[in-house]
Amino acid sequence: MPRAEGSTRAVPRWLVGVFCVSLAGWGTAAGLERASPPVLQSRVKWVPLAQVPADERPVLYVFTADWCAPCQDQDATFQDEALTEAIHRRVIPVRLVDRTHEDGENAAELAALIKRYEVTGFPTLVIQPREGNPLILRGFQRTDVLLGFVDR
């Protein structure tokens, strides 16, 4: 059925084109976000390994890797306010990022700690008291488990 001159019933072709381009852009953006999720700003004030103070508090080493999905989930647990407060009160937090996949090897200091604590997977969390044996958790841990771990 031919449409009458000046009819507004049919959708203009340019509007369909704009819709298709917008939909394609949205789909691409969603795919990129899944492939590279946004980085969370940690509530934990991580101390660089070279700057760990001579303090009576134990050191919490968090061994992680950029490519590790469970590590990204673990990073999200560090957004919890109660956990963050417990960490700052009880331990000196040190986040150690494995760079073997990206750089072929780690810095000597990091490699020595990975060997010392027998880190074979990520994430691995170690509380090293100033004297005595370390406490080690391997794999992703829920916030409540980490609270108990830090408060030991």
C-alpha atoms as a PDB file:
ATOM      1  CA  MET A   1       0.000   0.000   0.000  1.00  0.00           C
ATOM      2  CA  PRO A   2       1.602   3.265  -1.076  1.00  0.00           C
ATOM      3  CA  ARG A   3       1.949   5.866   1.620  1.00  0.00           C
ATOM      4  CA  ALA A   4       0.441   9.276   1.318  1.00  0.00           C
ATOM      5  CA  GLU A   5       2.681  12.262   0.704  1.00  0.00           C
ATOM      6  CA  GLY A   6       3.808  13.728   4.067  1.00  0.00           C
ATOM      7  CA  SER A   7       2.759  10.645   6.090  1.00  0.00           C
ATOM      8  CA  THR A   8       4.558  10.187   9.418  1.00  0.00           C
ATOM      9  CA  ARG A   9       3.568   6.564   9.963  1.00  0.00           C
ATOM     10  CA  ALA A  10       6.696   4.980   8.489  1.00  0.00           C
ATOM     11  CA  VAL A  11      10.002   5.157  10.418  1.00  0.00           C
ATOM     12  CA  PRO A  12      12.629   7.129   8.497  1.00  0.00           C
ATOM     13  CA  ARG A  13      15.568   5.014   7.286  1.00  0.00           C
ATOM     14  CA  TRP A  14      18.122   7.319   8.895  1.00  0.00           C
ATOM     15  CA  LEU A  15      16.498   6.720  12.318  1.00  0.00           C
ATOM     16  CA  VAL A  16      16.799   2.954  11.876  1.00  0.00           C
ATOM     17  CA  GLY A  17      20.472   3.458  10.927  1.00  0.00           C
ATOM     18  CA  VAL A  18      21.157   5.572  14.025  1.00  0.00           C
ATOM     19  CA  PHE A  19      19.501   2.935  16.203  1.00  0.00           C
ATOM     20  CA  CYS A  20      21.598   0.121  14.688  1.00  0.00           C
ATOM     21  CA  VAL A  21      24.858   2.045  15.098  1.00  0.00           C
ATOM     22  CA  SER A  22      23.981   2.889  18.729  1.00  0.00           C
ATOM     23  CA  LEU A  23      23.138  -0.726  19.498  1.00  0.00           C
ATOM     24  CA  ALA A  24      26.408  -1.929  17.963  1.00  0.00           C
ATOM     25  CA  GLY A  25      28.393   0.630  19.989  1.00  0.00           C
ATOM     26  CA  TRP A  26      26.670  -0.389  23.214  1.00  0.00           C
ATOM     27  CA  GLY A  27      27.392  -4.069  22.530  1.00  0.00           C
ATOM     28  CA  THR A  28      31.045  -3.357  21.821  1.00  0.00           C
ATOM     29  CA  ALA A  29      31.435  -1.293  25.010  1.00  0.00           C
ATOM     30  CA  ALA A  30      29.798  -4.035  27.092  1.00  0.00           C
ATOM     31  CA  GLY A  31      32.136  -6.637  25.579  1.00  0.00           C
ATOM     32  CA  LEU A  32      35.215  -4.546  26.280  1.00  0.00           C
ATOM     33  CA  GLU A  33      34.172  -3.989  29.890  1.00  0.00           C
ATOM     34  CA  ARG A  34      33.807  -7.731  30.429  1.00  0.00           C
ATOM     35  CA  ALA A  35      37.220  -8.345  28.849  1.00  0.00           C
ATOM     36  CA  SER A  36      38.849  -5.617  30.920  1.00  0.00           C
ATOM     37  CA  PRO A  37      36.746  -4.841  33.990  1.00  0.00           C
ATOM     38  CA  PRO A  38      37.206  -1.461  35.687  1.00  0.00           C
ATOM     39  CA  VAL A  39      39.940  -1.383  38.321  1.00  0.00           C
ATOM     40  CA  LEU A  40      38.686  -0.828  41.844  1.00  0.00           C
ATOM     41  CA  GLN A  41      40.415   1.755  43.960  1.00  0.00           C
ATOM     42  CA  SER A  42      41.381  -0.204  47.055  1.00  0.00           C
ATOM     43  CA  ARG A  43      40.430   1.071  50.478  1.00  0.00           C
ATOM     44  CA  VAL A  44      43.568  -0.611  51.817  1.00  0.00           C
ATOM     45  CA  LYS A  45      46.636   1.589  52.017  1.00  0.00           C
ATOM     46  CA  TRP A  46      49.129  -0.888  50.586  1.00  0.00           C
ATOM     47  CA  VAL A  47      52.725  -0.442  51.715  1.00  0.00           C
ATOM     48  CA  PRO A  48      55.445  -0.981  49.076  1.00  0.00           C
ATOM     49  CA  LEU A  49      57.686  -3.937  49.937  1.00  0.00           C
ATOM     50  CA  ALA A  50      60.776  -1.709  50.154  1.00  0.00           C
ATOM     51  CA  GLN A  51      59.014   0.565  52.670  1.00  0.00           C
ATOM     52  CA  VAL A  52      57.768  -1.979  55.237  1.00  0.00           C
ATOM     53  CA  PRO A  53      58.471  -0.335  58.610  1.00  0.00           C
ATOM     54  CA  ALA A  54      60.291  -2.055  61.451  1.00  0.00           C
ATOM     55  CA  ASP A  55      57.110  -2.383  63.454  1.00  0.00           C
ATOM     56  CA  GLU A  56      55.836  -4.985  65.913  1.00  0.00           C
ATOM     57  CA  ARG A  57      52.799  -5.667  63.710  1.00  0.00           C
ATOM     58  CA  PRO A  58      52.912  -8.707  61.436  1.00  0.00           C
ATOM     59  CA  VAL A  59      53.100  -8.236  57.664  1.00  0.00           C
ATOM     60  CA  LEU A  60      50.165  -9.290  55.477  1.00  0.00           C
ATOM     61  CA  TYR A  61      51.496 -10.303  52.067  1.00  0.00           C
ATOM     62  CA  VAL A  62      48.820 -10.521  49.376  1.00  0.00           C
ATOM     63  CA  PHE A  63      50.239 -12.342  46.350  1.00  0.00           C
ATOM     64  CA  THR A  64      48.180 -11.567  43.264  1.00  0.00           C
ATOM     65  CA  ALA A  65      48.396 -11.312  39.467  1.00  0.00           C
ATOM     66  CA  ASP A  66      46.754  -8.959  36.973  1.00  0.00           C
ATOM     67  CA  TRP A  67      45.546 -11.827  34.751  1.00  0.00           C
ATOM     68  CA  CYS A  68      43.989 -13.753  37.671  1.00  0.00           C
ATOM     69  CA  ALA A  69      40.168 -13.609  37.827  1.00  0.00           C
ATOM     70  CA  PRO A  70      39.941 -14.887  41.447  1.00  0.00           C
ATOM     71  CA  CYS A  71      42.463 -12.171  42.365  1.00  0.00           C
ATOM     72  CA  GLN A  72      40.136  -9.514  40.961  1.00  0.00           C
ATOM     73  CA  ASP A  73      37.323 -10.975  43.056  1.00  0.00           C
ATOM     74  CA  GLN A  74      39.658 -10.964  46.072  1.00  0.00           C
ATOM     75  CA  ASP A  75      40.481  -7.303  45.435  1.00  0.00           C
ATOM     76  CA  ALA A  76      36.752  -6.551  45.684  1.00  0.00           C
ATOM     77  CA  THR A  77      36.672  -7.968  49.225  1.00  0.00           C
ATOM     78  CA  PHE A  78      39.176  -5.298  50.253  1.00  0.00           C
ATOM     79  CA  GLN A  79      36.407  -2.717  49.714  1.00  0.00           C
ATOM     80  CA  ASP A  80      34.747  -3.855  52.944  1.00  0.00           C
ATOM     81  CA  GLU A  81      35.084  -1.143  55.579  1.00  0.00           C
ATOM     82  CA  ALA A  82      35.331  -3.504  58.585  1.00  0.00           C
ATOM     83  CA  LEU A  83      38.023  -5.566  56.858  1.00  0.00           C
ATOM     84  CA  THR A  84      39.967  -2.469  55.861  1.00  0.00           C
ATOM     85  CA  GLU A  85      39.890  -1.151  59.435  1.00  0.00           C
ATOM     86  CA  ALA A  86      41.042  -4.519  60.814  1.00  0.00           C
ATOM     87  CA  ILE A  87      43.898  -4.673  58.296  1.00  0.00           C
ATOM     88  CA  HIS A  88      45.133  -1.180  59.160  1.00  0.00           C
ATOM     89  CA  ARG A  89      44.864  -1.868  62.884  1.00  0.00           C
ATOM     90  CA  ARG A  90      46.427  -5.359  63.006  1.00  0.00           C
ATOM     91  CA  VAL A  91      48.912  -5.811  60.130  1.00  0.00           C
ATOM     92  CA  ILE A  92      51.123  -4.022  57.639  1.00  0.00           C
ATOM     93  CA  PRO A  93      49.521  -4.744  54.234  1.00  0.00           C
ATOM     94  CA  VAL A  94      51.795  -5.435  51.265  1.00  0.00           C
ATOM     95  CA  ARG A  95      50.309  -6.251  47.853  1.00  0.00           C
ATOM     96  CA  LEU A  96      52.698  -8.218  45.636  1.00  0.00           C
ATOM     97  CA  VAL A  97      51.824  -8.566  41.936  1.00  0.00           C
ATOM     98  CA  ASP A  98      53.318 -11.494  40.025  1.00  0.00           C
ATOM     99  CA  ARG A  99      54.679 -10.295  36.657  1.00  0.00           C
ATOM    100  CA  THR A 100      55.888 -13.628  35.257  1.00  0.00           C
ATOM    101  CA  HIS A 101      53.295 -13.708  32.441  1.00  0.00           C
ATOM    102  CA  GLU A 102      53.878 -10.083  31.444  1.00  0.00           C
ATOM    103  CA  ASP A 103      57.641  -9.696  31.950  1.00  0.00           C
ATOM    104  CA  GLY A 104      58.931 -13.275  31.913  1.00  0.00           C
ATOM    105  CA  GLU A 105      60.172 -13.041  35.501  1.00  0.00           C
ATOM    106  CA  ASN A 106      59.653 -11.237  38.787  1.00  0.00           C
ATOM    107  CA  ALA A 107      61.961  -8.885  40.630  1.00  0.00           C
ATOM    108  CA  ALA A 108      64.445 -10.819  42.779  1.00  0.00           C
ATOM    109  CA  GLU A 109      62.843  -9.718  46.061  1.00  0.00           C
ATOM    110  CA  LEU A 110      59.386 -10.870  44.945  1.00  0.00           C
ATOM    111  CA  ALA A 111      60.734 -14.138  43.514  1.00  0.00           C
ATOM    112  CA  ALA A 112      62.412 -14.872  46.865  1.00  0.00           C
ATOM    113  CA  LEU A 113      59.130 -14.323  48.762  1.00  0.00           C
ATOM    114  CA  ILE A 114      57.194 -16.510  46.305  1.00  0.00           C
ATOM    115  CA  LYS A 115      59.745 -19.276  46.887  1.00  0.00           C
ATOM    116  CA  ARG A 116      59.861 -18.769  50.668  1.00  0.00           C
ATOM    117  CA  TYR A 117      56.082 -19.051  51.067  1.00  0.00           C
ATOM    118  CA  GLU A 118      55.713 -21.713  48.346  1.00  0.00           C
ATOM    119  CA  VAL A 119      53.219 -19.632  46.364  1.00  0.00           C
ATOM    120  CA  THR A 120      51.925 -21.925  43.636  1.00  0.00           C
ATOM    121  CA  GLY A 121      48.675 -20.123  42.825  1.00  0.00           C
ATOM    122  CA  PHE A 122      46.916 -16.812  43.187  1.00  0.00           C
ATOM    123  CA  PRO A 123      45.644 -15.242  45.281  1.00  0.00           C
ATOM    124  CA  THR A 124      47.760 -16.341  48.238  1.00  0.00           C
ATOM    125  CA  LEU A 125      47.625 -14.442  51.521  1.00  0.00           C
ATOM    126  CA  VAL A 126      50.377 -14.724  54.130  1.00  0.00           C
ATOM    127  CA  ILE A 127      50.548 -13.208  57.592  1.00  0.00           C
ATOM    128  CA  GLN A 128      54.159 -13.231  58.724  1.00  0.00           C
ATOM    129  CA  PRO A 129      54.583 -12.368  62.403  1.00  0.00           C
ATOM    130  CA  ARG A 130      57.841 -10.660  63.358  1.00  0.00           C
ATOM    131  CA  GLU A 131      58.787 -13.950  65.048  1.00  0.00           C
ATOM    132  CA  GLY A 132      57.343 -17.361  64.366  1.00  0.00           C
ATOM    133  CA  ASN A 133      55.713 -19.273  61.559  1.00  0.00           C
ATOM    134  CA  PRO A 134      53.579 -17.682  58.864  1.00  0.00           C
ATOM    135  CA  LEU A 135      49.831 -18.209  58.487  1.00  0.00           C
ATOM    136  CA  ILE A 136      48.906 -18.937  54.870  1.00  0.00           C
ATOM    137  CA  LEU A 137      45.599 -18.890  52.992  1.00  0.00           C
ATOM    138  CA  ARG A 138      45.518 -20.061  49.379  1.00  0.00           C
ATOM    139  CA  GLY A 139      42.830 -19.129  46.869  1.00  0.00           C
ATOM    140  CA  PHE A 140      39.919 -16.694  47.012  1.00  0.00           C
ATOM    141  CA  GLN A 141      38.644 -15.961  50.535  1.00  0.00           C
ATOM    142  CA  ARG A 142      35.342 -14.392  51.612  1.00  0.00           C
ATOM    143  CA  THR A 143      35.394 -11.209  53.663  1.00  0.00           C
ATOM    144  CA  ASP A 144      34.369 -12.992  56.903  1.00  0.00           C
ATOM    145  CA  VAL A 145      37.224 -15.491  56.492  1.00  0.00           C
ATOM    146  CA  LEU A 146      39.707 -12.657  55.930  1.00  0.00           C
ATOM    147  CA  LEU A 147      38.419 -10.835  59.039  1.00  0.00           C
ATOM    148  CA  GLY A 148      39.100 -13.945  61.108  1.00  0.00           C
ATOM    149  CA  PHE A 149      42.492 -14.406  59.460  1.00  0.00           C
ATOM    150  CA  VAL A 150      43.586 -10.830  60.179  1.00  0.00           C
ATOM    151  CA  ASP A 151      42.227 -10.839  63.737  1.00  0.00           C
ATOM    152  CA  ARG A 152      44.190 -13.971  64.791  1.00  0.00           C
END
